[in-house]
């Protein structure tokens, strides 16, 4: 069996285990990548740690932790309430508030998936409360995340340090 096929089988097994048991898929992914690198990749432990981007991992874990705190302590809900107060009683502007909130989070450092995970539940609650299409809210959140991710300001956007990237593509997947 080839290493690629075995890796896909391990990935499928991780999804099954994470679906059945309350185990973090990311942690299982780290362990599986480490074990596959040693067994099938022929790498030593030092080789694996030499290619692992530890500084990027700490940055992403820190940003995710920061936004988890902001969500749990009510900061996100406070920002939403300020935005709703800003639009007054105009329900048609609520999707735009969610767009701007998602763009704000991603422009200051949240990754796209984290921005959606933070804003989407709030947006869908407002969609149900004010009878706004959930599809519209979802699209506005995703597009807000996309707009914010193209900002050159997030800490996770280091396009000039990677080959092939230019300043014109800052933050947009380069």
N, C-alpha and C. Protein backbone atom coordinates (compact mmCIF):
# COMPACT_ATOMS: atom_id res chain seq x y z
N UNK A 1 0.87 -1.18 0.00
CA UNK A 1 0.00 0.00 0.00
C UNK A 1 0.90 1.23 0.00
N UNK A 2 0.55 2.21 -0.84
CA UNK A 2 1.37 3.42 -0.95
C UNK A 2 1.17 4.32 0.27
N UNK A 3 2.14 5.17 0.50
CA UNK A 3 2.09 6.09 1.65
C UNK A 3 0.91 7.05 1.52
N UNK A 4 0.62 7.46 0.28
CA UNK A 4 -0.48 8.39 0.07
C UNK A 4 -1.83 7.76 0.42
N UNK A 5 -2.03 6.53 -0.04
CA UNK A 5 -3.28 5.83 0.24
C UNK A 5 -3.43 5.56 1.74
N UNK A 6 -2.33 5.16 2.37
CA UNK A 6 -2.37 4.91 3.81
C UNK A 6 -2.68 6.19 4.58
N UNK A 7 -2.13 7.32 4.13
CA UNK A 7 -2.40 8.61 4.77
C UNK A 7 -3.87 8.98 4.65
N UNK A 8 -4.47 8.71 3.49
CA UNK A 8 -5.90 8.99 3.31
C UNK A 8 -6.76 8.10 4.20
N UNK A 9 -6.37 6.86 4.37
CA UNK A 9 -7.10 5.95 5.25
C UNK A 9 -7.00 6.43 6.70
N UNK A 10 -5.81 6.88 7.10
CA UNK A 10 -5.64 7.42 8.46
C UNK A 10 -6.51 8.66 8.63
N UNK A 11 -6.56 9.53 7.63
CA UNK A 11 -7.39 10.73 7.70
C UNK A 11 -8.86 10.37 7.84
N UNK A 12 -9.32 9.42 7.06
CA UNK A 12 -10.70 8.96 7.16
C UNK A 12 -10.98 8.38 8.55
N UNK A 13 -10.05 7.61 9.06
CA UNK A 13 -10.20 7.06 10.41
C UNK A 13 -10.26 8.15 11.47
N UNK A 14 -9.48 9.21 11.28
CA UNK A 14 -9.53 10.33 12.24
C UNK A 14 -10.90 10.99 12.22
N UNK A 15 -11.48 11.17 11.05
CA UNK A 15 -12.82 11.77 10.96
C UNK A 15 -13.86 10.89 11.66
N UNK A 16 -13.75 9.58 11.48
CA UNK A 16 -14.70 8.67 12.12
C UNK A 16 -14.55 8.74 13.64
N UNK A 17 -13.32 8.68 14.13
CA UNK A 17 -13.09 8.74 15.57
C UNK A 17 -13.57 10.06 16.16
N UNK A 18 -13.27 11.18 15.48
CA UNK A 18 -13.69 12.49 15.98
C UNK A 18 -15.20 12.68 15.91
N UNK A 19 -15.87 11.95 15.02
CA UNK A 19 -17.32 12.03 14.95
C UNK A 19 -17.99 11.24 16.07
N UNK A 20 -17.35 10.18 16.50
CA UNK A 20 -17.94 9.31 17.50
C UNK A 20 -17.53 9.72 18.92
N UNK A 21 -16.28 10.08 19.09
CA UNK A 21 -15.75 10.41 20.41
C UNK A 21 -15.46 11.90 20.52
N UNK A 22 -15.49 12.45 21.72
CA UNK A 22 -15.19 13.88 21.89
C UNK A 22 -13.68 14.14 21.93
N UNK A 23 -13.01 13.85 20.81
CA UNK A 23 -11.57 14.05 20.69
C UNK A 23 -11.33 15.14 19.65
N UNK A 24 -10.42 16.04 19.94
CA UNK A 24 -10.11 17.14 19.03
C UNK A 24 -9.43 16.61 17.77
N UNK A 25 -10.00 16.92 16.63
CA UNK A 25 -9.48 16.45 15.35
C UNK A 25 -8.10 17.03 15.06
N UNK A 26 -7.86 18.27 15.47
CA UNK A 26 -6.56 18.90 15.23
C UNK A 26 -5.44 18.20 15.97
N UNK A 27 -5.70 17.83 17.22
CA UNK A 27 -4.68 17.12 18.00
C UNK A 27 -4.41 15.75 17.39
N UNK A 28 -5.48 15.07 16.96
CA UNK A 28 -5.28 13.78 16.30
C UNK A 28 -4.48 13.97 15.01
N UNK A 29 -4.71 15.07 14.31
CA UNK A 29 -3.97 15.34 13.08
C UNK A 29 -2.48 15.54 13.34
N UNK A 30 -2.15 16.25 14.43
CA UNK A 30 -0.74 16.42 14.79
C UNK A 30 -0.08 15.08 15.09
N UNK A 31 -0.75 14.27 15.87
CA UNK A 31 -0.19 12.97 16.23
C UNK A 31 -0.03 12.10 14.98
N UNK A 32 -1.06 12.08 14.14
CA UNK A 32 -1.00 11.25 12.93
C UNK A 32 0.11 11.72 11.99
N UNK A 33 0.23 13.04 11.81
CA UNK A 33 1.29 13.55 10.93
C UNK A 33 2.67 13.21 11.48
N UNK A 34 2.82 13.30 12.79
CA UNK A 34 4.10 12.96 13.42
C UNK A 34 4.42 11.49 13.20
N UNK A 35 3.45 10.62 13.47
CA UNK A 35 3.68 9.18 13.33
C UNK A 35 3.89 8.78 11.87
N UNK A 36 3.12 9.37 10.96
CA UNK A 36 3.30 9.06 9.54
C UNK A 36 4.64 9.56 9.03
N UNK A 37 5.08 10.72 9.52
CA UNK A 37 6.39 11.24 9.12
C UNK A 37 7.52 10.33 9.55
N UNK A 38 7.39 9.77 10.74
CA UNK A 38 8.44 8.88 11.25
C UNK A 38 8.39 7.53 10.54
N UNK A 39 7.18 6.95 10.44
CA UNK A 39 7.09 5.59 9.90
C UNK A 39 7.18 5.54 8.38
N UNK A 40 6.36 6.31 7.71
CA UNK A 40 6.33 6.23 6.24
C UNK A 40 7.26 7.23 5.56
N UNK A 41 7.51 8.34 6.21
CA UNK A 41 8.34 9.37 5.60
C UNK A 41 9.82 9.19 5.83
N UNK A 42 10.16 8.31 6.75
CA UNK A 42 11.57 8.08 7.02
C UNK A 42 12.26 9.26 7.69
N UNK A 43 11.49 10.11 8.36
CA UNK A 43 12.06 11.29 9.01
C UNK A 43 12.40 10.96 10.46
N UNK A 44 13.37 11.67 10.97
CA UNK A 44 13.68 11.56 12.40
C UNK A 44 12.86 12.61 13.15
N UNK A 45 12.84 12.50 14.45
CA UNK A 45 12.12 13.47 15.26
C UNK A 45 12.70 14.86 15.06
N UNK A 46 14.02 14.96 14.97
CA UNK A 46 14.66 16.26 14.74
C UNK A 46 14.28 16.84 13.39
N UNK A 47 14.15 15.99 12.36
CA UNK A 47 13.74 16.46 11.04
C UNK A 47 12.32 17.04 11.08
N UNK A 48 11.45 16.37 11.81
CA UNK A 48 10.06 16.84 11.89
C UNK A 48 10.00 18.18 12.60
N UNK A 49 10.70 18.31 13.71
CA UNK A 49 10.68 19.58 14.44
C UNK A 49 11.38 20.69 13.66
N UNK A 50 12.34 20.34 12.79
CA UNK A 50 13.04 21.35 12.00
C UNK A 50 12.13 21.97 10.95
N UNK A 51 11.18 21.21 10.42
CA UNK A 51 10.31 21.75 9.37
C UNK A 51 8.98 22.25 9.91
N UNK A 52 8.69 22.00 11.20
CA UNK A 52 7.43 22.46 11.78
C UNK A 52 7.50 23.96 12.04
N UNK A 53 6.50 24.72 11.54
CA UNK A 53 6.53 26.18 11.74
C UNK A 53 6.01 26.56 13.14
N UNK A 54 6.86 26.44 14.13
CA UNK A 54 6.46 26.70 15.51
C UNK A 54 6.00 28.12 15.76
N UNK A 55 6.69 29.10 15.14
CA UNK A 55 6.28 30.50 15.35
C UNK A 55 4.90 30.77 14.77
N UNK A 56 4.61 30.19 13.62
CA UNK A 56 3.28 30.36 13.03
C UNK A 56 2.21 29.66 13.88
N UNK A 57 2.54 28.50 14.41
CA UNK A 57 1.60 27.78 15.26
C UNK A 57 1.26 28.59 16.51
N UNK A 58 2.26 29.16 17.16
CA UNK A 58 2.02 29.98 18.35
C UNK A 58 1.18 31.20 18.01
N UNK A 59 1.46 31.84 16.88
CA UNK A 59 0.69 33.00 16.45
C UNK A 59 -0.78 32.64 16.22
N UNK A 60 -1.03 31.56 15.49
CA UNK A 60 -2.40 31.16 15.20
C UNK A 60 -3.13 30.70 16.45
N UNK A 61 -2.45 29.97 17.31
CA UNK A 61 -3.09 29.53 18.55
C UNK A 61 -3.41 30.73 19.44
N UNK A 62 -2.52 31.70 19.48
CA UNK A 62 -2.77 32.90 20.29
C UNK A 62 -3.93 33.72 19.78
N UNK A 63 -4.02 33.91 18.46
CA UNK A 63 -5.12 34.67 17.88
C UNK A 63 -6.44 33.95 18.11
N UNK A 64 -6.44 32.64 17.93
CA UNK A 64 -7.66 31.86 18.15
C UNK A 64 -8.09 31.96 19.62
N UNK A 65 -7.14 31.89 20.53
CA UNK A 65 -7.44 32.00 21.96
C UNK A 65 -7.98 33.39 22.29
N UNK A 66 -7.39 34.42 21.70
CA UNK A 66 -7.86 35.80 21.93
C UNK A 66 -9.31 35.97 21.50
N UNK A 67 -9.66 35.48 20.32
CA UNK A 67 -11.03 35.63 19.84
C UNK A 67 -12.00 34.72 20.58
N UNK A 68 -11.53 33.59 21.09
CA UNK A 68 -12.40 32.76 21.93
C UNK A 68 -12.73 33.49 23.23
N UNK A 69 -11.76 34.17 23.79
CA UNK A 69 -12.02 34.96 24.99
C UNK A 69 -12.99 36.09 24.67
N UNK A 70 -12.78 36.76 23.54
CA UNK A 70 -13.68 37.87 23.15
C UNK A 70 -15.11 37.38 22.96
N UNK A 71 -15.26 36.18 22.45
CA UNK A 71 -16.61 35.65 22.25
C UNK A 71 -17.23 35.24 23.58
N UNK A 72 -16.45 34.61 24.45
CA UNK A 72 -16.99 34.12 25.71
C UNK A 72 -17.27 35.22 26.73
N UNK A 73 -16.53 36.32 26.68
CA UNK A 73 -16.76 37.37 27.67
C UNK A 73 -17.79 38.41 27.21
N UNK A 74 -18.36 38.21 26.03
CA UNK A 74 -19.44 39.08 25.58
C UNK A 74 -19.02 40.25 24.71
N UNK A 75 -17.75 40.35 24.37
CA UNK A 75 -17.28 41.46 23.54
C UNK A 75 -17.91 41.42 22.16
N UNK A 76 -18.03 40.23 21.59
CA UNK A 76 -18.65 40.11 20.26
C UNK A 76 -20.10 40.57 20.32
N UNK A 77 -20.84 40.14 21.32
CA UNK A 77 -22.24 40.56 21.45
C UNK A 77 -22.34 42.07 21.68
N UNK A 78 -21.38 42.63 22.41
CA UNK A 78 -21.37 44.07 22.63
C UNK A 78 -21.16 44.82 21.31
N UNK A 79 -20.23 44.35 20.49
CA UNK A 79 -20.00 44.98 19.19
C UNK A 79 -21.23 44.88 18.30
N UNK A 80 -21.91 43.74 18.34
CA UNK A 80 -23.13 43.56 17.56
C UNK A 80 -24.22 44.52 18.04
N UNK A 81 -24.36 44.64 19.35
CA UNK A 81 -25.40 45.55 19.87
C UNK A 81 -25.09 47.00 19.50
N UNK A 82 -23.82 47.38 19.52
CA UNK A 82 -23.46 48.74 19.08
C UNK A 82 -23.81 48.93 17.61
N UNK A 83 -23.54 47.92 16.80
CA UNK A 83 -23.87 48.01 15.38
C UNK A 83 -25.36 48.11 15.14
N UNK A 84 -26.14 47.34 15.91
CA UNK A 84 -27.60 47.40 15.77
C UNK A 84 -28.14 48.75 16.23
N UNK A 85 -27.56 49.29 17.26
CA UNK A 85 -27.97 50.61 17.71
C UNK A 85 -27.64 51.66 16.65
N UNK A 86 -26.53 51.45 15.95
CA UNK A 86 -26.11 52.38 14.91
C UNK A 86 -27.10 52.42 13.74
N UNK A 87 -27.68 51.27 13.36
CA UNK A 87 -28.61 51.23 12.24
C UNK A 87 -30.04 51.55 12.66
N UNK A 88 -30.27 51.70 13.94
CA UNK A 88 -31.62 52.02 14.42
C UNK A 88 -32.55 50.84 14.20
N UNK A 89 -33.72 51.09 13.68
CA UNK A 89 -34.70 50.03 13.46
C UNK A 89 -34.68 49.47 12.06
N UNK A 90 -33.69 49.82 11.26
CA UNK A 90 -33.62 49.36 9.87
C UNK A 90 -33.08 47.94 9.82
N UNK A 91 -33.96 46.97 9.73
CA UNK A 91 -33.59 45.56 9.73
C UNK A 91 -32.77 45.21 8.49
N UNK A 92 -32.97 45.90 7.40
CA UNK A 92 -32.25 45.62 6.16
C UNK A 92 -30.76 45.87 6.26
N UNK A 93 -30.33 46.62 7.27
CA UNK A 93 -28.90 46.89 7.41
C UNK A 93 -28.19 45.89 8.33
N UNK A 94 -28.94 45.01 8.98
CA UNK A 94 -28.32 44.03 9.89
C UNK A 94 -27.33 43.12 9.15
N UNK A 95 -27.64 42.61 7.95
CA UNK A 95 -26.62 41.81 7.25
C UNK A 95 -25.33 42.58 6.98
N UNK A 96 -25.45 43.87 6.75
CA UNK A 96 -24.25 44.69 6.51
C UNK A 96 -23.44 44.86 7.79
N UNK A 97 -24.11 44.90 8.93
CA UNK A 97 -23.40 44.95 10.21
C UNK A 97 -22.60 43.66 10.40
N UNK A 98 -23.20 42.53 10.06
CA UNK A 98 -22.50 41.25 10.19
C UNK A 98 -21.32 41.18 9.22
N UNK A 99 -21.52 41.73 8.02
CA UNK A 99 -20.42 41.80 7.05
C UNK A 99 -19.26 42.59 7.63
N UNK A 100 -19.55 43.77 8.18
CA UNK A 100 -18.51 44.63 8.72
C UNK A 100 -17.84 44.01 9.94
N UNK A 101 -18.61 43.33 10.77
CA UNK A 101 -18.05 42.69 11.95
C UNK A 101 -17.10 41.56 11.54
N UNK A 102 -17.51 40.75 10.58
CA UNK A 102 -16.64 39.66 10.10
C UNK A 102 -15.39 40.23 9.45
N UNK A 103 -15.54 41.29 8.67
CA UNK A 103 -14.38 41.92 8.04
C UNK A 103 -13.44 42.50 9.09
N UNK A 104 -14.01 43.09 10.13
CA UNK A 104 -13.18 43.66 11.20
C UNK A 104 -12.36 42.58 11.88
N UNK A 105 -12.99 41.46 12.24
CA UNK A 105 -12.27 40.40 12.93
C UNK A 105 -11.13 39.86 12.08
N UNK A 106 -11.39 39.64 10.79
CA UNK A 106 -10.34 39.08 9.94
C UNK A 106 -9.28 40.11 9.58
N UNK A 107 -9.63 41.37 9.56
CA UNK A 107 -8.62 42.37 9.23
C UNK A 107 -7.67 42.64 10.39
N UNK A 108 -8.05 42.24 11.60
CA UNK A 108 -7.13 42.42 12.72
C UNK A 108 -6.43 41.14 13.13
N UNK A 109 -6.65 40.05 12.41
CA UNK A 109 -5.84 38.88 12.67
C UNK A 109 -6.51 37.54 12.71
N UNK A 110 -7.83 37.48 12.81
CA UNK A 110 -8.48 36.16 12.86
C UNK A 110 -8.37 35.49 11.49
N UNK A 111 -8.17 34.21 11.49
CA UNK A 111 -8.18 33.47 10.23
C UNK A 111 -9.61 33.36 9.74
N UNK A 112 -9.78 33.03 8.47
CA UNK A 112 -11.10 32.99 7.87
C UNK A 112 -12.06 32.06 8.60
N UNK A 113 -11.60 30.86 8.90
CA UNK A 113 -12.47 29.90 9.59
C UNK A 113 -12.85 30.40 10.97
N UNK A 114 -11.92 31.04 11.66
CA UNK A 114 -12.22 31.57 12.99
C UNK A 114 -13.20 32.72 12.90
N UNK A 115 -13.06 33.57 11.87
CA UNK A 115 -14.00 34.68 11.69
C UNK A 115 -15.41 34.19 11.46
N UNK A 116 -15.55 33.16 10.65
CA UNK A 116 -16.88 32.59 10.41
C UNK A 116 -17.40 31.94 11.68
N UNK A 117 -16.54 31.22 12.40
CA UNK A 117 -16.98 30.54 13.63
C UNK A 117 -17.41 31.53 14.70
N UNK A 118 -16.84 32.72 14.70
CA UNK A 118 -17.20 33.72 15.70
C UNK A 118 -18.48 34.45 15.31
N UNK A 119 -18.58 34.88 14.06
CA UNK A 119 -19.68 35.76 13.64
C UNK A 119 -20.92 35.00 13.20
N UNK A 120 -20.77 33.84 12.57
CA UNK A 120 -21.93 33.12 12.02
C UNK A 120 -22.99 32.77 13.05
N UNK A 121 -22.64 32.25 14.23
CA UNK A 121 -23.71 31.95 15.19
C UNK A 121 -24.50 33.19 15.61
N UNK A 122 -23.80 34.29 15.79
CA UNK A 122 -24.47 35.54 16.15
C UNK A 122 -25.37 35.99 15.01
N UNK A 123 -24.84 35.93 13.78
CA UNK A 123 -25.60 36.36 12.62
C UNK A 123 -26.85 35.51 12.41
N UNK A 124 -26.73 34.22 12.61
CA UNK A 124 -27.89 33.34 12.41
C UNK A 124 -28.94 33.53 13.51
N UNK A 125 -28.50 33.87 14.71
CA UNK A 125 -29.48 34.20 15.76
C UNK A 125 -30.28 35.44 15.37
N UNK A 126 -29.58 36.45 14.84
CA UNK A 126 -30.28 37.65 14.41
C UNK A 126 -31.17 37.38 13.20
N UNK A 127 -30.72 36.48 12.33
CA UNK A 127 -31.54 36.13 11.16
C UNK A 127 -32.86 35.50 11.62
N UNK A 128 -32.80 34.63 12.61
CA UNK A 128 -34.02 34.00 13.11
C UNK A 128 -34.90 35.01 13.84
N UNK A 129 -34.28 35.89 14.62
CA UNK A 129 -35.04 36.85 15.41
C UNK A 129 -35.75 37.88 14.53
N UNK A 130 -35.07 38.36 13.49
CA UNK A 130 -35.63 39.42 12.66
C UNK A 130 -36.17 38.92 11.32
N UNK A 131 -36.31 37.60 11.17
CA UNK A 131 -36.85 36.97 9.98
C UNK A 131 -36.10 37.40 8.71
N UNK A 132 -34.78 37.31 8.78
CA UNK A 132 -33.91 37.58 7.64
C UNK A 132 -33.47 36.22 7.11
N UNK A 133 -33.29 36.12 5.81
CA UNK A 133 -32.88 34.87 5.20
C UNK A 133 -31.53 34.42 5.79
N UNK A 134 -31.47 33.19 6.31
CA UNK A 134 -30.19 32.68 6.83
C UNK A 134 -29.14 32.57 5.73
N UNK A 135 -29.58 32.30 4.50
CA UNK A 135 -28.65 32.24 3.38
C UNK A 135 -28.00 33.60 3.16
N UNK A 136 -28.79 34.66 3.20
CA UNK A 136 -28.25 36.00 3.04
C UNK A 136 -27.25 36.31 4.15
N UNK A 137 -27.60 35.98 5.38
CA UNK A 137 -26.69 36.24 6.50
C UNK A 137 -25.39 35.46 6.33
N UNK A 138 -25.51 34.20 5.94
CA UNK A 138 -24.32 33.39 5.74
C UNK A 138 -23.42 33.95 4.66
N UNK A 139 -24.02 34.35 3.56
CA UNK A 139 -23.24 34.93 2.46
C UNK A 139 -22.55 36.22 2.91
N UNK A 140 -23.26 37.05 3.66
CA UNK A 140 -22.68 38.32 4.11
C UNK A 140 -21.52 38.07 5.08
N UNK A 141 -21.65 37.07 5.95
CA UNK A 141 -20.56 36.76 6.88
C UNK A 141 -19.35 36.25 6.11
N UNK A 142 -19.56 35.32 5.20
CA UNK A 142 -18.45 34.75 4.44
C UNK A 142 -17.77 35.82 3.58
N UNK A 143 -18.56 36.69 2.96
CA UNK A 143 -17.95 37.75 2.15
C UNK A 143 -17.23 38.78 3.03
N UNK A 144 -17.75 39.02 4.23
CA UNK A 144 -17.05 39.90 5.16
C UNK A 144 -15.71 39.32 5.58
N UNK A 145 -15.70 38.02 5.84
CA UNK A 145 -14.45 37.34 6.18
C UNK A 145 -13.47 37.44 5.01
N UNK A 146 -13.97 37.25 3.80
CA UNK A 146 -13.11 37.33 2.63
C UNK A 146 -12.53 38.73 2.47
N UNK A 147 -13.37 39.73 2.66
CA UNK A 147 -12.90 41.11 2.55
C UNK A 147 -11.87 41.43 3.62
N UNK A 148 -12.12 40.99 4.84
CA UNK A 148 -11.17 41.24 5.92
C UNK A 148 -9.87 40.49 5.75
N UNK A 149 -9.93 39.31 5.16
CA UNK A 149 -8.72 38.52 4.95
C UNK A 149 -7.79 39.14 3.92
N UNK A 150 -8.31 39.99 3.07
CA UNK A 150 -7.47 40.64 2.06
C UNK A 150 -6.82 41.91 2.59
N UNK A 151 -7.02 42.18 3.86
CA UNK A 151 -6.37 43.34 4.47
C UNK A 151 -4.89 43.06 4.68
N UNK A 152 -4.05 44.04 4.49
CA UNK A 152 -2.61 43.81 4.72
C UNK A 152 -2.22 43.90 6.20
N UNK A 153 -3.17 44.16 7.09
CA UNK A 153 -2.83 44.40 8.49
C UNK A 153 -2.77 43.19 9.41
N UNK A 154 -3.40 42.03 9.11
CA UNK A 154 -3.36 40.95 10.10
C UNK A 154 -1.95 40.41 10.32
N UNK A 155 -1.74 39.92 11.54
CA UNK A 155 -0.44 39.35 11.86
C UNK A 155 -0.16 38.10 11.05
N UNK A 156 -1.20 37.38 10.68
CA UNK A 156 -1.00 36.15 9.91
C UNK A 156 -0.72 36.42 8.44
N UNK A 157 -0.76 37.66 8.03
CA UNK A 157 -0.51 38.00 6.63
C UNK A 157 0.93 38.46 6.47
N UNK A 158 1.77 37.54 6.03
CA UNK A 158 3.17 37.88 5.80
C UNK A 158 3.54 37.53 4.37
N UNK A 159 2.91 38.18 3.39
CA UNK A 159 3.11 37.77 2.00
C UNK A 159 4.50 38.04 1.48
N UNK A 160 5.17 39.05 1.95
CA UNK A 160 6.46 39.40 1.39
C UNK A 160 7.56 38.45 1.84
N UNK A 161 7.28 37.66 2.87
CA UNK A 161 8.29 36.72 3.34
C UNK A 161 8.20 35.38 2.61
N UNK A 162 7.22 35.24 1.71
CA UNK A 162 7.07 33.98 0.98
C UNK A 162 7.41 34.18 -0.49
N UNK A 163 8.09 33.26 -1.08
CA UNK A 163 8.44 33.41 -2.50
C UNK A 163 7.20 33.47 -3.38
N UNK A 164 7.25 34.29 -4.38
CA UNK A 164 6.15 34.37 -5.33
C UNK A 164 5.06 35.32 -4.92
N UNK A 165 5.14 35.91 -3.73
CA UNK A 165 4.10 36.83 -3.27
C UNK A 165 4.57 38.27 -3.49
N UNK A 166 3.62 39.10 -3.80
CA UNK A 166 3.92 40.51 -3.95
C UNK A 166 3.04 41.31 -3.01
N UNK A 167 3.33 42.56 -2.86
CA UNK A 167 2.53 43.40 -1.95
C UNK A 167 1.10 43.56 -2.46
N UNK A 168 0.86 43.35 -3.75
CA UNK A 168 -0.50 43.50 -4.28
C UNK A 168 -1.39 42.33 -3.90
N UNK A 169 -0.79 41.23 -3.44
CA UNK A 169 -1.59 40.06 -3.07
C UNK A 169 -1.61 39.85 -1.56
N UNK A 170 -1.32 40.90 -0.82
CA UNK A 170 -1.19 40.77 0.64
C UNK A 170 -2.44 40.20 1.27
N UNK A 171 -2.28 39.12 1.97
CA UNK A 171 -3.36 38.55 2.75
C UNK A 171 -4.36 37.71 1.97
N UNK A 172 -4.32 37.73 0.67
CA UNK A 172 -5.35 37.05 -0.12
C UNK A 172 -4.88 35.66 -0.55
N UNK A 173 -4.50 34.86 0.40
CA UNK A 173 -4.17 33.48 0.11
C UNK A 173 -2.79 33.26 -0.46
N UNK A 174 -1.97 34.27 -0.50
CA UNK A 174 -0.65 34.11 -1.06
C UNK A 174 0.28 33.52 -0.02
